[in-house]
Amino acid sequence: MARPRKPLLSRERIVTAALALVDAEGLDAVSTRRLAAELGVSGPSLYNHFRNKDEILDAVADSVSAQIDLSMFDEADGRDWRTALHDWAVSYRAALADHPHIVPVLARGPGRRPAGLRVADAVFGAMVRAGWPPAHATHIGALMRYFITGSALGSFARGFVDDETAYDPADYPHLGQAHLLAEHQKQVDEGAFETGLRALLDGLAVRYESVSRGHASAAAEQ
């Protein structure tokens, strides 16, 4: 029997093609018709694997979640909770920076996506093991997702035009160098992320000490 000229259609092929399309042209470029054309198949054949476009985008988002490093949350890894959160956040942001157009889908939360749920489970479990009460661990997971996805939704530096005449000092006396920000976009945005992340972790460390003292006092009273 002769081999088929094209590889058989699979969920993996569809997700790979959809992610490439999202990366190149954004979410609005994805449609079952466009994907079918990209894959060289008939449109209805996609429905053997996904019910609709939303399911495809969910799978694309989950494929990006699967790129996030979770090894720092392994019990045998040895990193303390603060270092683990920092290193995970850097990995998380890197994955989103590689695929910024899918961030709005990821920002909706993991839903039923397996890789996204593994991320949430790993963070929550590691925080509880470190001594955070479950409610606090939930808040930390939410806080970190808000911060990381928010940082990936847009570039502060690219929010300013590179025209030095755009910001009249009579109107904006402190924006004389703002036209230079776009030129240094990576440095500015990464620096802002790291500054915010360290400030966030500093605050959590203070809160952790308070929680730990509360546990110690409660234990002493028993």
N, C-alpha and C. Protein backbone atom coordinates (compact mmCIF):
# COMPACT_ATOMS: atom_id res chain seq x y z
N MET A 1 0.85 -1.19 0.00
CA MET A 1 0.00 0.00 0.00
C MET A 1 0.89 1.25 0.00
N ALA A 2 0.59 2.18 -0.87
CA ALA A 2 1.39 3.39 -0.96
C ALA A 2 1.19 4.26 0.26
N ARG A 3 2.24 4.94 0.64
CA ARG A 3 2.16 5.84 1.79
C ARG A 3 1.36 7.10 1.40
N PRO A 4 0.62 7.67 2.36
CA PRO A 4 -0.06 8.93 2.06
C PRO A 4 0.96 10.03 1.80
N ARG A 5 0.64 10.93 0.89
CA ARG A 5 1.57 11.99 0.54
C ARG A 5 1.78 12.97 1.69
N LYS A 6 0.78 13.18 2.51
CA LYS A 6 0.88 14.10 3.63
C LYS A 6 0.78 13.33 4.95
N PRO A 7 1.46 13.78 5.99
CA PRO A 7 1.30 13.11 7.29
C PRO A 7 -0.15 13.12 7.72
N LEU A 8 -0.55 12.07 8.42
CA LEU A 8 -1.92 12.00 8.90
C LEU A 8 -2.20 13.16 9.85
N LEU A 9 -3.40 13.67 9.81
CA LEU A 9 -3.79 14.77 10.67
C LEU A 9 -3.87 14.29 12.12
N SER A 10 -3.41 15.11 13.04
CA SER A 10 -3.43 14.78 14.46
C SER A 10 -3.66 16.06 15.25
N ARG A 11 -4.01 15.88 16.51
CA ARG A 11 -4.16 17.05 17.38
C ARG A 11 -2.86 17.84 17.45
N GLU A 12 -1.75 17.13 17.53
CA GLU A 12 -0.45 17.79 17.64
C GLU A 12 -0.16 18.65 16.41
N ARG A 13 -0.44 18.13 15.22
CA ARG A 13 -0.21 18.90 14.00
C ARG A 13 -1.10 20.13 13.96
N ILE A 14 -2.35 19.98 14.38
CA ILE A 14 -3.27 21.11 14.37
C ILE A 14 -2.80 22.18 15.35
N VAL A 15 -2.41 21.78 16.56
CA VAL A 15 -1.96 22.73 17.57
C VAL A 15 -0.69 23.44 17.11
N THR A 16 0.24 22.70 16.52
CA THR A 16 1.48 23.30 16.04
C THR A 16 1.20 24.35 14.96
N ALA A 17 0.31 24.01 14.04
CA ALA A 17 -0.04 24.95 12.98
C ALA A 17 -0.77 26.17 13.53
N ALA A 18 -1.66 25.93 14.48
CA ALA A 18 -2.42 27.04 15.08
C ALA A 18 -1.50 27.97 15.85
N LEU A 19 -0.55 27.40 16.60
CA LEU A 19 0.37 28.23 17.37
C LEU A 19 1.23 29.08 16.43
N ALA A 20 1.69 28.50 15.34
CA ALA A 20 2.49 29.26 14.38
C ALA A 20 1.67 30.41 13.80
N LEU A 21 0.40 30.16 13.56
CA LEU A 21 -0.48 31.20 13.01
C LEU A 21 -0.72 32.30 14.04
N VAL A 22 -0.96 31.90 15.29
CA VAL A 22 -1.16 32.88 16.36
C VAL A 22 0.09 33.73 16.52
N ASP A 23 1.26 33.09 16.55
CA ASP A 23 2.52 33.82 16.72
C ASP A 23 2.73 34.83 15.59
N ALA A 24 2.40 34.42 14.38
CA ALA A 24 2.68 35.26 13.22
C ALA A 24 1.65 36.37 13.03
N GLU A 25 0.37 36.07 13.30
CA GLU A 25 -0.69 37.02 12.92
C GLU A 25 -1.68 37.35 14.03
N GLY A 26 -1.63 36.67 15.15
CA GLY A 26 -2.54 36.97 16.24
C GLY A 26 -3.74 36.05 16.29
N LEU A 27 -4.53 36.18 17.34
CA LEU A 27 -5.67 35.29 17.57
C LEU A 27 -6.72 35.38 16.48
N ASP A 28 -6.94 36.59 15.95
CA ASP A 28 -8.00 36.76 14.96
C ASP A 28 -7.71 36.02 13.66
N ALA A 29 -6.45 35.64 13.44
CA ALA A 29 -6.10 34.95 12.20
C ALA A 29 -6.53 33.49 12.22
N VAL A 30 -6.83 32.96 13.40
CA VAL A 30 -7.14 31.53 13.51
C VAL A 30 -8.61 31.28 13.18
N SER A 31 -8.83 30.40 12.25
CA SER A 31 -10.17 29.89 11.93
C SER A 31 -9.99 28.47 11.44
N THR A 32 -11.04 27.68 11.52
CA THR A 32 -10.90 26.29 11.06
C THR A 32 -10.61 26.26 9.57
N ARG A 33 -11.19 27.18 8.82
CA ARG A 33 -10.93 27.22 7.37
C ARG A 33 -9.47 27.53 7.09
N ARG A 34 -8.93 28.54 7.79
CA ARG A 34 -7.53 28.91 7.58
C ARG A 34 -6.60 27.79 8.00
N LEU A 35 -6.88 27.15 9.12
CA LEU A 35 -6.03 26.05 9.58
C LEU A 35 -6.06 24.89 8.60
N ALA A 36 -7.24 24.58 8.11
CA ALA A 36 -7.36 23.49 7.14
C ALA A 36 -6.51 23.78 5.92
N ALA A 37 -6.54 25.03 5.45
CA ALA A 37 -5.74 25.40 4.29
C ALA A 37 -4.25 25.28 4.60
N GLU A 38 -3.84 25.72 5.79
CA GLU A 38 -2.43 25.63 6.18
C GLU A 38 -1.96 24.18 6.25
N LEU A 39 -2.86 23.30 6.67
CA LEU A 39 -2.51 21.88 6.84
C LEU A 39 -2.75 21.06 5.58
N GLY A 40 -3.39 21.66 4.59
CA GLY A 40 -3.66 20.95 3.35
C GLY A 40 -4.71 19.87 3.49
N VAL A 41 -5.73 20.13 4.31
CA VAL A 41 -6.80 19.15 4.53
C VAL A 41 -8.14 19.85 4.34
N SER A 42 -9.20 19.08 4.36
CA SER A 42 -10.53 19.66 4.27
C SER A 42 -10.94 20.17 5.65
N GLY A 43 -11.73 21.23 5.68
CA GLY A 43 -12.16 21.82 6.94
C GLY A 43 -12.81 20.84 7.90
N PRO A 44 -13.77 20.04 7.44
CA PRO A 44 -14.46 19.12 8.36
C PRO A 44 -13.55 18.13 9.06
N SER A 45 -12.38 17.83 8.47
CA SER A 45 -11.48 16.85 9.09
C SER A 45 -10.95 17.34 10.43
N LEU A 46 -10.92 18.66 10.63
CA LEU A 46 -10.46 19.20 11.92
C LEU A 46 -11.40 18.80 13.05
N TYR A 47 -12.68 18.64 12.70
CA TYR A 47 -13.68 18.35 13.73
C TYR A 47 -13.60 16.93 14.26
N ASN A 48 -12.74 16.12 13.67
CA ASN A 48 -12.47 14.80 14.24
C ASN A 48 -11.59 14.91 15.48
N HIS A 49 -10.97 16.09 15.65
CA HIS A 49 -10.04 16.29 16.76
C HIS A 49 -10.46 17.41 17.71
N PHE A 50 -11.13 18.42 17.20
CA PHE A 50 -11.59 19.54 18.01
C PHE A 50 -13.00 19.92 17.59
N ARG A 51 -13.82 20.30 18.56
CA ARG A 51 -15.20 20.65 18.24
C ARG A 51 -15.33 22.02 17.61
N ASN A 52 -14.43 22.95 17.97
CA ASN A 52 -14.54 24.30 17.46
C ASN A 52 -13.22 25.05 17.63
N LYS A 53 -13.21 26.30 17.20
CA LYS A 53 -12.01 27.13 17.30
C LYS A 53 -11.58 27.33 18.74
N ASP A 54 -12.54 27.53 19.65
CA ASP A 54 -12.19 27.76 21.05
C ASP A 54 -11.42 26.58 21.64
N GLU A 55 -11.79 25.37 21.28
CA GLU A 55 -11.06 24.20 21.77
C GLU A 55 -9.64 24.18 21.21
N ILE A 56 -9.48 24.60 19.98
CA ILE A 56 -8.14 24.65 19.39
C ILE A 56 -7.28 25.66 20.13
N LEU A 57 -7.84 26.84 20.40
CA LEU A 57 -7.07 27.86 21.11
C LEU A 57 -6.76 27.44 22.54
N ASP A 58 -7.68 26.71 23.17
CA ASP A 58 -7.39 26.16 24.49
C ASP A 58 -6.19 25.22 24.44
N ALA A 59 -6.15 24.39 23.42
CA ALA A 59 -5.04 23.45 23.27
C ALA A 59 -3.74 24.18 22.97
N VAL A 60 -3.82 25.24 22.17
CA VAL A 60 -2.63 26.05 21.88
C VAL A 60 -2.11 26.68 23.17
N ALA A 61 -3.02 27.26 23.96
CA ALA A 61 -2.62 27.86 25.24
C ALA A 61 -1.98 26.82 26.15
N ASP A 62 -2.53 25.62 26.17
CA ASP A 62 -1.97 24.58 27.04
C ASP A 62 -0.60 24.14 26.57
N SER A 63 -0.37 24.17 25.26
CA SER A 63 0.96 23.81 24.76
C SER A 63 2.01 24.82 25.21
N VAL A 64 1.60 26.08 25.38
CA VAL A 64 2.52 27.09 25.90
C VAL A 64 2.73 26.88 27.39
N SER A 65 1.67 26.56 28.13
CA SER A 65 1.82 26.26 29.56
C SER A 65 2.78 25.10 29.78
N ALA A 66 2.79 24.15 28.85
CA ALA A 66 3.66 22.99 28.98
C ALA A 66 5.14 23.36 28.85
N GLN A 67 5.43 24.56 28.33
CA GLN A 67 6.81 25.00 28.18
C GLN A 67 7.38 25.60 29.48
N ILE A 68 6.52 25.82 30.46
CA ILE A 68 6.96 26.45 31.71
C ILE A 68 7.68 25.42 32.59
N ASP A 69 8.84 25.79 33.06
CA ASP A 69 9.63 24.90 33.92
C ASP A 69 9.00 24.80 35.30
N LEU A 70 8.75 23.59 35.77
CA LEU A 70 8.19 23.35 37.10
C LEU A 70 9.14 22.58 38.00
N SER A 71 10.35 22.33 37.53
CA SER A 71 11.28 21.46 38.26
C SER A 71 11.66 22.04 39.62
N MET A 72 11.60 23.38 39.75
CA MET A 72 11.97 24.00 41.02
C MET A 72 10.99 23.71 42.14
N PHE A 73 9.82 23.18 41.80
CA PHE A 73 8.82 22.85 42.81
C PHE A 73 8.87 21.39 43.24
N ASP A 74 9.76 20.60 42.64
CA ASP A 74 9.93 19.22 43.08
C ASP A 74 10.46 19.20 44.51
N GLU A 75 9.93 18.29 45.31
CA GLU A 75 10.37 18.22 46.72
C GLU A 75 11.86 17.97 46.84
N ALA A 76 12.44 17.24 45.87
CA ALA A 76 13.85 16.90 45.94
C ALA A 76 14.75 18.02 45.40
N ASP A 77 14.16 19.09 44.86
CA ASP A 77 14.98 20.13 44.22
C ASP A 77 15.80 20.91 45.23
N GLY A 78 15.22 21.25 46.36
CA GLY A 78 15.98 21.91 47.41
C GLY A 78 15.89 23.42 47.44
N ARG A 79 15.27 24.04 46.45
CA ARG A 79 15.14 25.49 46.48
C ARG A 79 14.09 25.91 47.50
N ASP A 80 14.35 27.00 48.23
CA ASP A 80 13.35 27.50 49.16
C ASP A 80 12.19 28.10 48.37
N TRP A 81 11.07 28.36 49.05
CA TRP A 81 9.86 28.77 48.34
C TRP A 81 10.04 30.07 47.57
N ARG A 82 10.81 31.00 48.14
CA ARG A 82 11.00 32.29 47.45
C ARG A 82 11.82 32.12 46.17
N THR A 83 12.92 31.38 46.26
CA THR A 83 13.76 31.15 45.09
C THR A 83 12.98 30.39 44.02
N ALA A 84 12.20 29.40 44.46
CA ALA A 84 11.41 28.61 43.51
C ALA A 84 10.40 29.49 42.79
N LEU A 85 9.71 30.36 43.54
CA LEU A 85 8.75 31.26 42.91
C LEU A 85 9.43 32.18 41.91
N HIS A 86 10.59 32.71 42.28
CA HIS A 86 11.33 33.61 41.38
C HIS A 86 11.69 32.90 40.08
N ASP A 87 12.31 31.72 40.22
CA ASP A 87 12.78 31.00 39.04
C ASP A 87 11.62 30.55 38.16
N TRP A 88 10.53 30.14 38.79
CA TRP A 88 9.34 29.77 38.03
C TRP A 88 8.75 30.96 37.28
N ALA A 89 8.68 32.11 37.95
CA ALA A 89 8.14 33.31 37.32
C ALA A 89 8.96 33.72 36.10
N VAL A 90 10.26 33.60 36.19
CA VAL A 90 11.13 33.93 35.06
C VAL A 90 10.86 32.98 33.89
N SER A 91 10.70 31.69 34.19
CA SER A 91 10.41 30.71 33.15
C SER A 91 9.04 30.96 32.53
N TYR A 92 8.06 31.27 33.38
CA TYR A 92 6.69 31.54 32.94
C TYR A 92 6.68 32.73 32.00
N ARG A 93 7.34 33.83 32.40
CA ARG A 93 7.35 35.02 31.56
C ARG A 93 8.06 34.75 30.24
N ALA A 94 9.13 33.95 30.27
CA ALA A 94 9.86 33.64 29.04
C ALA A 94 8.96 32.91 28.04
N ALA A 95 8.15 31.98 28.55
CA ALA A 95 7.23 31.25 27.68
C ALA A 95 6.21 32.21 27.06
N LEU A 96 5.70 33.13 27.86
CA LEU A 96 4.73 34.08 27.35
C LEU A 96 5.37 35.08 26.39
N ALA A 97 6.61 35.46 26.67
CA ALA A 97 7.31 36.39 25.79
C ALA A 97 7.54 35.78 24.42
N ASP A 98 7.70 34.47 24.36
CA ASP A 98 7.87 33.78 23.08
C ASP A 98 6.57 33.71 22.30
N HIS A 99 5.43 33.79 23.00
CA HIS A 99 4.12 33.64 22.36
C HIS A 99 3.14 34.67 22.92
N PRO A 100 3.42 35.95 22.75
CA PRO A 100 2.62 36.99 23.41
C PRO A 100 1.16 37.04 22.97
N HIS A 101 0.87 36.63 21.75
CA HIS A 101 -0.52 36.74 21.27
C HIS A 101 -1.48 35.77 21.95
N ILE A 102 -0.95 34.71 22.57
CA ILE A 102 -1.82 33.74 23.22
C ILE A 102 -2.10 34.13 24.68
N VAL A 103 -1.47 35.17 25.18
CA VAL A 103 -1.61 35.57 26.57
C VAL A 103 -3.07 35.83 26.97
N PRO A 104 -3.88 36.51 26.15
CA PRO A 104 -5.28 36.72 26.58
C PRO A 104 -6.03 35.42 26.85
N VAL A 105 -5.71 34.36 26.13
CA VAL A 105 -6.37 33.06 26.38
C VAL A 105 -5.85 32.47 27.68
N LEU A 106 -4.56 32.53 27.90
CA LEU A 106 -3.98 32.01 29.14
C LEU A 106 -4.46 32.79 30.36
N ALA A 107 -4.70 34.08 30.17
CA ALA A 107 -5.11 34.92 31.30
C ALA A 107 -6.48 34.55 31.84
N ARG A 108 -7.26 33.80 31.06
CA ARG A 108 -8.57 33.39 31.54
C ARG A 108 -8.48 32.28 32.59
N GLY A 109 -7.30 31.70 32.76
CA GLY A 109 -7.14 30.63 33.74
C GLY A 109 -7.04 29.27 33.08
N PRO A 110 -6.68 28.24 33.85
CA PRO A 110 -6.42 26.92 33.27
C PRO A 110 -7.66 26.14 32.86
N GLY A 111 -8.82 26.43 33.49
CA GLY A 111 -10.02 25.67 33.14
C GLY A 111 -9.80 24.18 33.29
N ARG A 112 -9.87 23.47 32.16
CA ARG A 112 -9.63 22.02 32.17
C ARG A 112 -8.33 21.64 31.46
N ARG A 113 -7.50 22.61 31.18
CA ARG A 113 -6.26 22.34 30.44
C ARG A 113 -5.26 21.59 31.32
N PRO A 114 -4.79 20.43 30.91
CA PRO A 114 -3.90 19.61 31.76
C PRO A 114 -2.61 20.31 32.16
N ALA A 115 -1.91 20.91 31.20
CA ALA A 115 -0.63 21.55 31.54
C ALA A 115 -0.85 22.75 32.44
N GLY A 116 -1.89 23.52 32.17
CA GLY A 116 -2.20 24.67 33.02
C GLY A 116 -2.55 24.25 34.43
N LEU A 117 -3.28 23.16 34.56
CA LEU A 117 -3.63 22.64 35.88
C LEU A 117 -2.40 22.12 36.62
N ARG A 118 -1.46 21.53 35.89
CA ARG A 118 -0.23 21.06 36.52
C ARG A 118 0.56 22.24 37.08
N VAL A 119 0.55 23.37 36.37
CA VAL A 119 1.22 24.57 36.87
C VAL A 119 0.58 25.01 38.18
N ALA A 120 -0.75 25.15 38.18
CA ALA A 120 -1.46 25.59 39.39
C ALA A 120 -1.23 24.62 40.55
N ASP A 121 -1.27 23.32 40.26
CA ASP A 121 -1.08 22.31 41.29
C ASP A 121 0.32 22.36 41.87
N ALA A 122 1.33 22.57 41.01
CA ALA A 122 2.72 22.60 41.48
C ALA A 122 2.96 23.80 42.39
N VAL A 123 2.45 24.96 42.00
CA VAL A 123 2.66 26.17 42.81
C VAL A 123 1.96 26.03 44.16
N PHE A 124 0.70 25.64 44.13
CA PHE A 124 -0.06 25.50 45.37
C PHE A 124 0.59 24.47 46.30
N GLY A 125 0.94 23.32 45.76
CA GLY A 125 1.55 22.27 46.58
C GLY A 125 2.86 22.70 47.21
N ALA A 126 3.68 23.40 46.43
CA ALA A 126 4.97 23.85 46.96
C ALA A 126 4.80 24.88 48.06
N MET A 127 3.84 25.78 47.91
CA MET A 127 3.63 26.80 48.93
C MET A 127 3.11 26.17 50.23
N VAL A 128 2.20 25.22 50.13
CA VAL A 128 1.68 24.55 51.32
C VAL A 128 2.79 23.77 52.02
N ARG A 129 3.61 23.08 51.26
CA ARG A 129 4.73 22.34 51.86
C ARG A 129 5.70 23.28 52.56
N ALA A 130 5.82 24.51 52.03
CA ALA A 130 6.75 25.48 52.64
C ALA A 130 6.20 26.08 53.92
N GLY A 131 4.94 25.81 54.23
CA GLY A 131 4.37 26.30 55.47
C GLY A 131 3.31 27.37 55.31
N TRP A 132 2.99 27.74 54.07
CA TRP A 132 1.91 28.70 53.86
C TRP A 132 0.57 28.02 54.10
N PRO A 133 -0.36 28.65 54.80
CA PRO A 133 -1.71 28.09 54.92
C PRO A 133 -2.35 27.98 53.53
N PRO A 134 -3.23 27.02 53.31
CA PRO A 134 -3.83 26.83 51.99
C PRO A 134 -4.44 28.09 51.39
N ALA A 135 -5.13 28.90 52.21
CA ALA A 135 -5.74 30.13 51.67
C ALA A 135 -4.67 31.08 51.15
N HIS A 136 -3.58 31.20 51.89
CA HIS A 136 -2.48 32.05 51.45
C HIS A 136 -1.84 31.49 50.18
N ALA A 137 -1.68 30.17 50.12
CA ALA A 137 -1.09 29.56 48.94
C ALA A 137 -1.94 29.84 47.70
N THR A 138 -3.25 29.81 47.86
CA THR A 138 -4.15 30.14 46.75
C THR A 138 -3.96 31.59 46.32
N HIS A 139 -3.87 32.49 47.30
CA HIS A 139 -3.68 33.90 46.99
C HIS A 139 -2.36 34.13 46.26
N ILE A 140 -1.32 33.42 46.67
CA ILE A 140 -0.01 33.57 46.03
C ILE A 140 -0.07 33.11 44.58
N GLY A 141 -0.70 31.97 44.34
CA GLY A 141 -0.82 31.49 42.97
C GLY A 141 -1.56 32.48 42.09
N ALA A 142 -2.64 33.05 42.62
CA ALA A 142 -3.41 34.04 41.86
C ALA A 142 -2.59 35.30 41.62
N LEU A 143 -1.94 35.77 42.68
CA LEU A 143 -1.13 36.99 42.59
C LEU A 143 -0.04 36.85 41.54
N MET A 144 0.66 35.73 41.57
CA MET A 144 1.74 35.52 40.61
C MET A 144 1.22 35.47 39.18
N ARG A 145 0.07 34.83 38.99
CA ARG A 145 -0.49 34.78 37.62
C ARG A 145 -0.90 36.16 37.15
N TYR A 146 -1.52 36.95 38.04
CA TYR A 146 -1.89 38.32 37.66
C TYR A 146 -0.65 39.10 37.23
N PHE A 147 0.41 39.00 38.03
CA PHE A 147 1.61 39.79 37.76
C PHE A 147 2.30 39.34 36.46
N ILE A 148 2.45 38.03 36.30
CA ILE A 148 3.21 37.54 35.15
C ILE A 148 2.44 37.75 33.85
N THR A 149 1.16 37.38 33.83
CA THR A 149 0.40 37.57 32.58
C THR A 149 0.23 39.05 32.28
N GLY A 150 0.05 39.86 33.33
CA GLY A 150 -0.07 41.30 33.10
C GLY A 150 1.19 41.87 32.47
N SER A 151 2.34 41.40 32.90
CA SER A 151 3.60 41.90 32.36
C SER A 151 3.79 41.51 30.91
N ALA A 152 3.11 40.44 30.49
CA ALA A 152 3.28 39.94 29.13
C ALA A 152 2.22 40.48 28.16
N LEU A 153 1.22 41.18 28.68
CA LEU A 153 0.14 41.66 27.81
C LEU A 153 0.56 42.83 26.93
N GLY A 154 1.61 43.51 27.31
CA GLY A 154 2.07 44.63 26.50
C GLY A 154 3.43 45.10 26.97
N SER A 155 4.04 45.96 26.16
CA SER A 155 5.36 46.50 26.49
C SER A 155 5.22 47.95 26.93
N PHE A 156 5.70 48.26 28.13
CA PHE A 156 5.71 49.65 28.59
C PHE A 156 6.56 50.50 27.66
N ALA A 157 7.74 50.00 27.32
CA ALA A 157 8.67 50.79 26.52
C ALA A 157 8.09 51.10 25.13
N ARG A 158 7.42 50.15 24.54
CA ARG A 158 6.87 50.36 23.20
C ARG A 158 5.58 51.17 23.22
N GLY A 159 5.15 51.57 24.41
CA GLY A 159 3.99 52.43 24.50
C GLY A 159 4.30 53.89 24.17
N PHE A 160 5.58 54.19 23.97
CA PHE A 160 6.00 55.54 23.63
C PHE A 160 6.57 55.55 22.21
N VAL A 161 6.27 56.59 21.45
CA VAL A 161 6.79 56.68 20.08
C VAL A 161 8.25 57.12 20.11
N ASP A 162 8.97 56.83 19.03
CA ASP A 162 10.39 57.17 19.00
C ASP A 162 10.66 58.52 18.34
N ASP A 163 9.66 59.39 18.36
CA ASP A 163 9.78 60.74 17.80
C ASP A 163 10.07 61.72 18.93
N GLU A 164 11.26 62.33 18.92
CA GLU A 164 11.64 63.20 20.03
C GLU A 164 10.82 64.49 20.09
N THR A 165 10.07 64.79 19.04
CA THR A 165 9.23 65.99 19.05
C THR A 165 7.83 65.70 19.58
N ALA A 166 7.55 64.42 19.89
CA ALA A 166 6.19 64.04 20.27
C ALA A 166 5.82 64.52 21.68
N TYR A 167 6.81 64.72 22.53
CA TYR A 167 6.53 65.03 23.93
C TYR A 167 7.07 66.42 24.26
N ASP A 168 6.23 67.40 24.03
CA ASP A 168 6.59 68.80 24.26
C ASP A 168 6.88 69.02 25.74
N PRO A 169 8.09 69.51 26.08
CA PRO A 169 8.41 69.71 27.49
C PRO A 169 7.49 70.69 28.20
N ALA A 170 6.81 71.55 27.43
CA ALA A 170 5.85 72.45 28.05
C ALA A 170 4.66 71.68 28.61
N ASP A 171 4.33 70.56 27.96
CA ASP A 171 3.21 69.74 28.42
C ASP A 171 3.67 68.58 29.29
N TYR A 172 4.85 68.02 28.95
CA TYR A 172 5.34 66.82 29.65
C TYR A 172 6.79 67.06 30.08
N PRO A 173 7.01 67.83 31.12
CA PRO A 173 8.37 68.24 31.49
C PRO A 173 9.29 67.09 31.89
N HIS A 174 8.72 65.92 32.20
CA HIS A 174 9.55 64.81 32.67
C HIS A 174 9.70 63.69 31.64
N LEU A 175 9.24 63.93 30.43
CA LEU A 175 9.29 62.88 29.40
C LEU A 175 10.27 63.22 28.28
N GLY A 176 11.30 63.98 28.61
CA GLY A 176 12.26 64.38 27.60
C GLY A 176 13.02 63.24 26.95
N GLN A 177 13.12 62.11 27.65
CA GLN A 177 13.84 60.95 27.11
C GLN A 177 12.90 59.80 26.75
N ALA A 178 11.60 60.04 26.83
CA ALA A 178 10.65 58.95 26.61
C ALA A 178 10.73 58.37 25.20
N HIS A 179 11.15 59.20 24.23
CA HIS A 179 11.23 58.70 22.86
C HIS A 179 12.34 57.66 22.68
N LEU A 180 13.21 57.54 23.66
CA LEU A 180 14.30 56.57 23.59
C LEU A 180 13.92 55.20 24.15
N LEU A 181 12.77 55.13 24.84
CA LEU A 181 12.41 53.89 25.52
C LEU A 181 12.23 52.72 24.55
N ALA A 182 11.56 52.96 23.42
CA ALA A 182 11.30 51.87 22.48
C ALA A 182 12.59 51.24 21.98
N GLU A 183 13.63 52.06 21.85
CA GLU A 183 14.93 51.56 21.39
C GLU A 183 15.55 50.59 22.38
N HIS A 184 15.18 50.75 23.64
CA HIS A 184 15.73 49.89 24.70
C HIS A 184 14.63 49.03 25.31
N GLN A 185 13.70 48.60 24.49
CA GLN A 185 12.50 47.90 24.96
C GLN A 185 12.81 46.69 25.82
N LYS A 186 13.70 45.81 25.37
CA LYS A 186 13.98 44.59 26.12
C LYS A 186 14.58 44.92 27.49
N GLN A 187 15.54 45.82 27.52
CA GLN A 187 16.18 46.19 28.78
C GLN A 187 15.18 46.80 29.75
N VAL A 188 14.33 47.69 29.24
CA VAL A 188 13.35 48.37 30.10
C VAL A 188 12.32 47.39 30.64
N ASP A 189 11.74 46.57 29.74
CA ASP A 189 10.67 45.67 30.16
C ASP A 189 11.18 44.56 31.07
N GLU A 190 12.35 44.00 30.76
CA GLU A 190 12.89 42.95 31.62
C GLU A 190 13.31 43.53 32.98
N GLY A 191 13.85 44.75 32.96
CA GLY A 191 14.23 45.39 34.22
C GLY A 191 13.02 45.68 35.09
N ALA A 192 11.93 46.12 34.45
CA ALA A 192 10.71 46.40 35.19
C ALA A 192 10.14 45.11 35.78
N PHE A 193 10.17 44.03 35.00
CA PHE A 193 9.65 42.76 35.49
C PHE A 193 10.46 42.28 36.70
N GLU A 194 11.76 42.33 36.59
CA GLU A 194 12.61 41.84 37.68
C GLU A 194 12.45 42.72 38.92
N THR A 195 12.33 44.03 38.74
CA THR A 195 12.12 44.93 39.87
C THR A 195 10.79 44.62 40.57
N GLY A 196 9.75 44.46 39.77
CA GLY A 196 8.44 44.16 40.35
C GLY A 196 8.41 42.80 41.02
N LEU A 197 9.06 41.81 40.40
CA LEU A 197 9.07 40.47 40.97
C LEU A 197 9.79 40.46 42.31
N ARG A 198 10.93 41.12 42.39
CA ARG A 198 11.67 41.14 43.66
C ARG A 198 10.90 41.91 44.73
N ALA A 199 10.23 42.99 44.35
CA ALA A 199 9.43 43.73 45.33
C ALA A 199 8.28 42.87 45.83
N LEU A 200 7.65 42.14 44.92
CA LEU A 200 6.55 41.26 45.29
C LEU A 200 7.03 40.17 46.25
N LEU A 201 8.18 39.57 45.94
CA LEU A 201 8.70 38.50 46.79
C LEU A 201 9.17 39.04 48.13
N ASP A 202 9.71 40.26 48.15
CA ASP A 202 10.09 40.88 49.42
C ASP A 202 8.85 41.02 50.32
N GLY A 203 7.75 41.47 49.73
CA GLY A 203 6.52 41.62 50.50
C GLY A 203 6.01 40.29 51.01
N LEU A 204 6.08 39.26 50.17
CA LEU A 204 5.64 37.93 50.60
C LEU A 204 6.53 37.40 51.72
N ALA A 205 7.82 37.71 51.66
CA ALA A 205 8.73 37.23 52.70
C ALA A 205 8.37 37.84 54.06
N VAL A 206 7.99 39.11 54.06
CA VAL A 206 7.56 39.75 55.30
C VAL A 206 6.28 39.09 55.81
N ARG A 207 5.36 38.83 54.88
CA ARG A 207 4.11 38.17 55.26
C ARG A 207 4.36 36.76 55.78
N TYR A 208 5.31 36.07 55.18
CA TYR A 208 5.64 34.70 55.60
C TYR A 208 6.14 34.68 57.04
N GLU A 209 6.97 35.66 57.38
CA GLU A 209 7.47 35.74 58.76
C GLU A 209 6.32 35.95 59.74
N SER A 210 5.37 36.77 59.35
CA SER A 210 4.20 37.02 60.21
C SER A 210 3.37 35.76 60.38
N VAL A 211 3.17 35.05 59.28
CA VAL A 211 2.40 33.80 59.34
C VAL A 211 3.12 32.77 60.19
N SER A 212 4.44 32.69 60.04
CA SER A 212 5.22 31.72 60.81
C SER A 212 5.16 32.02 62.31
N ARG A 213 5.24 33.31 62.66
CA ARG A 213 5.15 33.69 64.08
C ARG A 213 3.77 33.34 64.64
N GLY A 214 2.74 33.54 63.81
CA GLY A 214 1.39 33.19 64.25
C GLY A 214 1.25 31.72 64.51
N HIS A 215 1.85 30.89 63.66
CA HIS A 215 1.81 29.44 63.89
C HIS A 215 2.55 29.06 65.17
N ALA A 216 3.70 29.72 65.38
CA ALA A 216 4.50 29.40 66.57
C ALA A 216 3.73 29.78 67.85
N SER A 217 3.07 30.92 67.82
CA SER A 217 2.31 31.36 69.00
C SER A 217 1.14 30.42 69.26
N ALA A 218 0.47 30.02 68.20
CA ALA A 218 -0.68 29.10 68.37
C ALA A 218 -0.22 27.77 68.92
N ALA A 219 0.93 27.29 68.44
CA ALA A 219 1.43 26.01 68.93
C ALA A 219 1.84 26.09 70.40
N ALA A 220 2.39 27.25 70.80
CA ALA A 220 2.83 27.40 72.19
C ALA A 220 1.65 27.45 73.15
N GLU A 221 0.51 27.91 72.68
CA GLU A 221 -0.67 28.03 73.54
C GLU A 221 -1.39 26.71 73.73
N GLN A 222 -1.08 25.73 72.88
CA GLN A 222 -1.78 24.44 72.98
C GLN A 222 -1.21 23.57 74.10
